[in-house]
N, C-alpha and C. Protein backbone atom coordinates (compact mmCIF):
# COMPACT_ATOMS: atom_id res chain seq x y z
N UNK A 1 -15.08 -1.18 -13.81
CA UNK A 1 -13.89 -1.82 -13.59
C UNK A 1 -14.15 -3.34 -13.02
N UNK A 2 -13.13 -4.04 -13.40
CA UNK A 2 -13.23 -5.63 -13.34
C UNK A 2 -11.85 -5.90 -12.23
N UNK A 3 -12.10 -7.17 -11.90
CA UNK A 3 -11.09 -7.64 -10.48
C UNK A 3 -10.15 -8.39 -11.83
N UNK A 4 -9.09 -8.26 -11.57
CA UNK A 4 -7.98 -9.06 -12.12
C UNK A 4 -7.47 -10.27 -11.22
N UNK A 5 -7.38 -11.50 -11.93
CA UNK A 5 -7.00 -12.52 -11.00
C UNK A 5 -5.31 -12.67 -11.23
N UNK A 6 -4.54 -12.82 -10.23
CA UNK A 6 -2.93 -13.10 -10.30
C UNK A 6 -2.38 -14.47 -10.75
N UNK A 7 -1.63 -14.59 -11.27
CA UNK A 7 -1.14 -15.84 -11.55
C UNK A 7 -0.20 -16.38 -10.50
N UNK A 8 0.25 -17.48 -10.34
CA UNK A 8 1.08 -17.91 -9.06
C UNK A 8 2.45 -16.88 -9.33
N UNK A 9 2.98 -16.67 -10.49
CA UNK A 9 4.35 -15.99 -10.48
C UNK A 9 3.81 -14.54 -10.13
N UNK A 10 2.74 -13.80 -10.57
CA UNK A 10 2.59 -12.53 -9.95
C UNK A 10 2.49 -12.80 -8.42
N UNK A 11 1.59 -13.77 -7.91
CA UNK A 11 1.28 -13.77 -6.43
C UNK A 11 2.84 -13.97 -5.84
N UNK A 12 3.61 -14.72 -6.33
CA UNK A 12 4.86 -14.85 -5.61
C UNK A 12 5.54 -13.65 -5.73
N UNK A 13 5.82 -12.63 -6.59
CA UNK A 13 6.30 -11.42 -6.63
C UNK A 13 5.56 -10.40 -5.68
N UNK A 14 4.52 -10.52 -5.50
CA UNK A 14 3.70 -9.52 -4.54
C UNK A 14 4.39 -10.16 -3.04
N UNK A 15 4.17 -11.22 -2.88
CA UNK A 15 4.62 -11.71 -1.35
C UNK A 15 6.12 -11.20 -1.18
N UNK A 16 6.94 -11.59 -2.19
CA UNK A 16 8.43 -11.26 -2.08
C UNK A 16 8.43 -9.54 -1.59
N UNK A 17 7.69 -8.84 -2.65
CA UNK A 17 7.60 -7.50 -2.30
C UNK A 17 7.23 -7.03 -1.06
N UNK A 18 6.23 -7.89 -0.68
CA UNK A 18 5.77 -7.50 0.87
C UNK A 18 6.71 -7.80 2.13
N UNK A 19 7.71 -8.90 1.62
CA UNK A 19 8.64 -9.18 2.69
C UNK A 19 9.58 -8.16 2.40
N UNK A 20 9.99 -7.44 1.08
CA UNK A 20 10.82 -6.32 1.28
C UNK A 20 10.45 -5.06 1.85
N UNK A 21 9.22 -4.84 1.78
CA UNK A 21 8.56 -3.73 2.52
C UNK A 21 8.78 -3.72 3.91
N UNK A 22 8.36 -5.13 4.21
CA UNK A 22 8.47 -5.42 5.69
C UNK A 22 9.72 -5.24 6.23
N UNK A 23 11.04 -5.63 5.66
CA UNK A 23 12.07 -5.37 5.80
C UNK A 23 12.61 -3.88 6.19
N UNK A 24 11.82 -3.14 5.53
CA UNK A 24 12.22 -1.55 5.67
C UNK A 24 11.62 -1.21 6.68
N UNK A 25 10.68 -1.69 7.33
CA UNK A 25 9.81 -0.99 8.29
C UNK A 25 10.74 -0.52 9.67
N UNK A 26 10.46 0.66 9.85
CA UNK A 26 11.11 1.35 10.96
C UNK A 26 10.18 2.03 11.83
N UNK A 27 10.25 1.40 13.14
CA UNK A 27 9.05 1.43 14.14
C UNK A 27 9.02 3.14 14.46
N UNK A 28 10.13 3.96 14.71
CA UNK A 28 10.32 5.35 15.14
C UNK A 28 9.72 6.15 13.97
N UNK A 29 10.16 5.80 12.54
CA UNK A 29 9.36 6.35 11.45
C UNK A 29 8.13 6.21 11.54
N UNK A 30 7.39 5.32 11.78
CA UNK A 30 6.09 4.68 11.81
C UNK A 30 5.15 5.72 12.79
N UNK A 31 5.91 5.51 13.97
CA UNK A 31 5.22 6.22 14.99
C UNK A 31 5.16 7.92 15.19
N UNK A 32 6.41 8.19 14.37
CA UNK A 32 6.45 9.78 13.93
C UNK A 32 5.24 10.03 12.70
N UNK A 33 5.22 9.35 11.93
CA UNK A 33 4.09 9.43 10.73
C UNK A 33 2.78 9.47 11.47
N UNK A 34 2.51 8.50 12.29
CA UNK A 34 1.10 8.47 13.03
C UNK A 34 1.06 9.97 13.89
N UNK A 35 2.08 10.18 14.57
CA UNK A 35 1.80 11.25 15.32
C UNK A 35 1.64 12.72 14.50
N UNK A 36 2.24 12.66 13.41
CA UNK A 36 2.14 13.86 12.45
C UNK A 36 0.92 13.80 11.76
N UNK A 37 0.32 12.78 11.57
CA UNK A 37 -0.80 12.51 10.53
C UNK A 37 -2.07 12.13 11.57
N UNK A 38 -2.03 12.25 12.85
CA UNK A 38 -3.26 11.65 13.47
C UNK A 38 -4.38 12.27 13.19
N UNK A 39 -4.53 13.31 12.98
CA UNK A 39 -5.88 13.95 12.29
C UNK A 39 -6.40 13.49 10.87
N UNK A 40 -5.34 13.03 10.16
CA UNK A 40 -5.63 12.57 8.84
C UNK A 40 -5.92 11.05 8.77
N UNK A 41 -6.68 10.58 7.86
CA UNK A 41 -6.87 9.34 7.58
C UNK A 41 -6.09 8.42 6.56
N UNK A 42 -5.55 7.15 6.86
CA UNK A 42 -4.87 6.34 6.05
C UNK A 42 -5.71 5.66 5.02
N UNK A 43 -7.15 5.84 5.06
CA UNK A 43 -7.96 5.38 4.23
C UNK A 43 -7.85 6.07 2.98
N UNK A 44 -7.79 7.19 2.92
CA UNK A 44 -7.74 7.79 1.34
C UNK A 44 -6.47 7.35 0.98
N UNK A 45 -5.36 7.25 1.31
CA UNK A 45 -4.33 6.56 0.42
C UNK A 45 -4.80 5.29 0.08
N UNK A 46 -5.08 4.45 0.87
CA UNK A 46 -5.51 2.91 0.81
C UNK A 46 -6.56 3.13 -0.62
N UNK A 47 -7.52 4.00 -0.34
CA UNK A 47 -8.34 3.78 -1.51
C UNK A 47 -7.88 4.37 -2.96
N UNK A 48 -6.79 5.31 -2.86
CA UNK A 48 -6.28 5.80 -4.04
C UNK A 48 -5.49 4.77 -4.58
N UNK A 49 -4.58 3.74 -4.07
CA UNK A 49 -3.98 2.64 -4.49
C UNK A 49 -4.88 1.66 -4.94
N UNK A 50 -5.79 1.26 -4.12
CA UNK A 50 -6.70 0.27 -4.61
C UNK A 50 -7.64 0.71 -6.11
N UNK A 51 -7.82 2.11 -6.09
CA UNK A 51 -8.53 2.34 -7.34
C UNK A 51 -7.61 2.49 -8.44
N UNK A 52 -6.38 2.63 -8.09
CA UNK A 52 -5.63 2.62 -9.30
C UNK A 52 -5.16 1.53 -9.95
N UNK A 53 -5.15 0.22 -9.10
CA UNK A 53 -4.65 -1.02 -9.45
C UNK A 53 -5.90 -1.66 -10.26
N UNK A 54 -6.92 -1.32 -9.92
CA UNK A 54 -8.30 -1.83 -10.56
C UNK A 54 -8.78 -1.11 -11.70
N UNK A 55 -8.24 0.06 -11.96
CA UNK A 55 -8.87 0.81 -12.91
C UNK A 55 -8.17 0.53 -14.38
N UNK A 56 -9.00 -0.41 -15.23
CA UNK A 56 -8.45 -0.80 -16.27
C UNK A 56 -7.96 0.13 -17.41
N UNK A 57 -8.70 1.31 -17.30
CA UNK A 57 -8.27 2.39 -18.33
C UNK A 57 -7.00 3.20 -17.87
N UNK A 58 -6.35 2.74 -16.81
CA UNK A 58 -5.02 3.76 -16.25
C UNK A 58 -4.09 2.68 -16.66
N UNK A 59 -3.06 3.03 -17.16
CA UNK A 59 -2.04 2.02 -17.38
C UNK A 59 -0.75 2.17 -16.25
N UNK A 60 -0.31 1.29 -15.77
CA UNK A 60 0.97 1.26 -14.81
C UNK A 60 1.85 0.31 -15.13
N UNK A 61 3.18 0.52 -15.04
CA UNK A 61 4.23 -0.54 -15.35
C UNK A 61 4.24 -1.45 -14.02
N UNK A 62 4.69 -2.66 -14.45
CA UNK A 62 4.79 -3.81 -13.65
C UNK A 62 5.44 -3.54 -12.30
N UNK A 63 6.46 -2.83 -12.05
CA UNK A 63 7.00 -2.39 -10.95
C UNK A 63 6.08 -1.79 -9.79
N UNK A 64 5.49 -0.86 -10.45
CA UNK A 64 4.16 0.10 -9.69
C UNK A 64 2.97 -0.77 -9.55
N UNK A 65 2.55 -1.82 -10.26
CA UNK A 65 1.57 -2.77 -10.03
C UNK A 65 1.84 -3.35 -8.85
N UNK A 66 3.13 -4.06 -8.69
CA UNK A 66 3.66 -5.12 -7.64
C UNK A 66 3.64 -4.24 -6.28
N UNK A 67 4.32 -2.81 -6.43
CA UNK A 67 4.37 -2.00 -5.17
C UNK A 67 2.73 -1.67 -4.55
N UNK A 68 2.11 -1.55 -5.43
CA UNK A 68 0.68 -1.33 -5.22
C UNK A 68 -0.01 -2.39 -4.40
N UNK A 69 0.12 -3.52 -5.27
CA UNK A 69 -0.62 -4.83 -4.84
C UNK A 69 0.21 -5.55 -3.59
N UNK A 70 1.41 -5.06 -3.40
CA UNK A 70 2.21 -5.54 -2.13
C UNK A 70 1.78 -4.63 -0.67
N UNK A 71 1.63 -3.48 -1.21
CA UNK A 71 1.07 -2.70 0.13
C UNK A 71 -0.49 -3.02 0.43
N UNK A 72 -1.16 -3.12 -0.54
CA UNK A 72 -2.63 -3.40 -0.35
C UNK A 72 -2.69 -4.76 0.32
N UNK A 73 -1.67 -5.82 -0.30
CA UNK A 73 -1.67 -7.16 0.53
C UNK A 73 -1.27 -7.01 1.85
N UNK A 74 -0.34 -6.27 2.09
CA UNK A 74 0.04 -6.26 3.42
C UNK A 74 -0.93 -5.62 4.58
N UNK A 75 -1.61 -4.82 4.03
CA UNK A 75 -2.85 -3.84 4.85
C UNK A 75 -3.92 -4.94 5.13
N UNK A 76 -4.19 -5.71 4.06
CA UNK A 76 -5.54 -6.57 4.21
C UNK A 76 -5.13 -8.05 4.96
N UNK A 77 -3.82 -8.40 4.67
CA UNK A 77 -3.37 -9.60 5.21
C UNK A 77 -3.45 -9.58 6.75
N UNK A 78 -3.88 -10.69 7.55
CA UNK A 78 -4.13 -10.38 8.95
C UNK A 78 -2.80 -10.68 9.81
N UNK A 79 -1.70 -11.19 9.05
CA UNK A 79 -0.59 -11.61 9.53
C UNK A 79 0.53 -10.64 9.14
N UNK A 80 1.07 -9.72 10.10
CA UNK A 80 2.09 -9.05 9.57
C UNK A 80 2.90 -8.73 10.62
N UNK A 81 3.93 -7.53 10.78
CA UNK A 81 4.92 -7.26 11.54
C UNK A 81 4.07 -7.10 13.13
N UNK A 82 3.47 -6.30 13.19
CA UNK A 82 2.44 -5.95 14.47
C UNK A 82 1.13 -6.39 14.09
N UNK A 83 0.69 -7.47 14.80
CA UNK A 83 -0.76 -7.96 14.49
C UNK A 83 -1.81 -6.83 14.59
N UNK A 84 -2.84 -7.02 13.74
CA UNK A 84 -3.74 -5.97 13.59
C UNK A 84 -4.83 -6.11 14.73
N UNK A 85 -4.93 -7.08 15.46
CA UNK A 85 -5.77 -7.29 16.68
C UNK A 85 -5.44 -6.43 17.63
N UNK A 86 -4.08 -5.90 17.75
CA UNK A 86 -3.67 -4.97 18.63
C UNK A 86 -4.27 -3.62 18.63
N UNK A 87 -5.09 -3.11 19.55
CA UNK A 87 -5.62 -1.63 19.24
C UNK A 87 -4.67 -0.64 19.03
N UNK A 88 -4.70 0.36 18.04
CA UNK A 88 -4.02 1.35 17.62
C UNK A 88 -2.47 0.75 16.90
N UNK A 89 -1.73 0.27 17.97
CA UNK A 89 -0.48 -0.12 17.47
C UNK A 89 -0.38 -1.27 16.69
N UNK A 90 -1.43 -1.92 16.29
CA UNK A 90 -1.61 -2.89 15.24
C UNK A 90 -1.64 -2.28 14.20
N UNK A 91 -2.26 -1.22 13.52
CA UNK A 91 -2.16 -0.37 12.26
C UNK A 91 -0.94 0.43 11.99
N UNK A 92 0.05 0.50 12.83
CA UNK A 92 1.05 1.16 12.68
C UNK A 92 2.04 0.95 11.58
N UNK A 93 2.30 -0.39 11.47
CA UNK A 93 3.07 -0.88 10.41
C UNK A 93 2.12 -0.81 9.01
N UNK A 94 1.02 -0.86 9.02
CA UNK A 94 0.12 -0.97 7.77
C UNK A 94 -0.08 0.51 7.35
N UNK A 95 -0.09 1.55 8.23
CA UNK A 95 0.02 3.01 7.96
C UNK A 95 1.50 3.21 7.24
N UNK A 96 2.44 2.86 7.99
CA UNK A 96 3.82 2.81 7.22
C UNK A 96 4.09 2.48 6.14
N UNK A 97 3.64 1.15 5.72
CA UNK A 97 3.55 0.68 4.40
C UNK A 97 2.89 1.54 3.31
N UNK A 98 1.79 1.88 3.72
CA UNK A 98 1.00 2.67 2.90
C UNK A 98 1.71 4.18 2.40
N UNK A 99 2.23 4.51 3.56
CA UNK A 99 3.06 5.83 3.47
C UNK A 99 4.46 5.72 2.66
N UNK A 100 4.96 4.76 2.86
CA UNK A 100 6.07 4.40 2.11
C UNK A 100 5.93 4.05 0.31
N UNK A 101 4.72 3.37 0.26
CA UNK A 101 4.39 3.22 -1.07
C UNK A 101 3.88 4.44 -1.76
N UNK A 102 3.00 5.18 -1.07
CA UNK A 102 2.39 6.58 -1.56
C UNK A 102 3.69 7.44 -1.97
N UNK A 103 4.59 7.54 -1.13
CA UNK A 103 5.74 8.23 -1.48
C UNK A 103 6.37 7.71 -2.53
N UNK A 104 6.75 6.45 -2.81
CA UNK A 104 7.57 5.76 -3.56
C UNK A 104 6.70 6.35 -4.95
N UNK A 105 5.67 6.23 -5.23
CA UNK A 105 4.92 6.37 -6.59
C UNK A 105 4.24 7.61 -6.55
N UNK A 106 4.69 8.54 -5.71
CA UNK A 106 3.92 9.83 -5.89
C UNK A 106 3.48 10.41 -7.31
N UNK A 107 4.41 10.33 -8.13
CA UNK A 107 4.26 10.90 -9.47
C UNK A 107 3.14 10.12 -10.37
N UNK A 108 2.96 8.69 -10.11
CA UNK A 108 1.73 7.92 -10.77
C UNK A 108 0.62 8.37 -10.03
N UNK A 109 0.74 8.50 -8.80
CA UNK A 109 -0.68 8.97 -8.10
C UNK A 109 -1.07 10.36 -8.80
N UNK A 110 -0.13 11.34 -8.81
CA UNK A 110 -0.64 12.63 -9.40
C UNK A 110 -1.17 12.25 -10.77
N UNK A 111 -0.41 11.58 -11.57
CA UNK A 111 -1.18 11.35 -12.86
C UNK A 111 -2.25 10.65 -12.75
N UNK A 112 -2.48 9.52 -11.89
CA UNK A 112 -3.79 9.19 -11.95
C UNK A 112 -4.92 9.95 -11.55
N UNK A 113 -4.58 10.99 -10.64
CA UNK A 113 -5.73 11.67 -10.04
C UNK A 113 -5.93 12.89 -11.25
N UNK A 114 -4.92 13.33 -11.94
CA UNK A 114 -5.12 14.12 -13.08
C UNK A 114 -6.26 13.44 -14.09
N UNK A 115 -6.04 12.23 -14.06
CA UNK A 115 -6.93 11.64 -15.29
C UNK A 115 -8.33 11.31 -14.64
N UNK A 116 -8.52 11.23 -13.46
CA UNK A 116 -9.82 10.99 -12.72
C UNK A 116 -10.70 12.42 -12.42
N UNK A 117 -9.55 13.28 -12.46
CA UNK A 117 -10.46 14.65 -12.02
C UNK A 117 -11.41 15.28 -12.70
């Protein structure tokens, strides 16, 4: 696997997608998701998305690539709706974004997992 560099247009699209996802954030849904999944880890979802976008042998359409890149950028960027430095609470929005993205591209994730199994 190799890393792909994004051009200025792609970076702008990712940042716009990040803002769109942030606008869809619902604190109550995020808290409910955390409560229901407190014994699970968001890390697995993050790694699936990360691996999907980096896998040169797996094809994704541009919209899906942007959704994944936006979610990953949101999680790794230090500035977001709820600052990550706040213990536990700071990760609620990140988990929500990951969950939203995973649910949105569920079919692509299944297809990816089938090709890597």
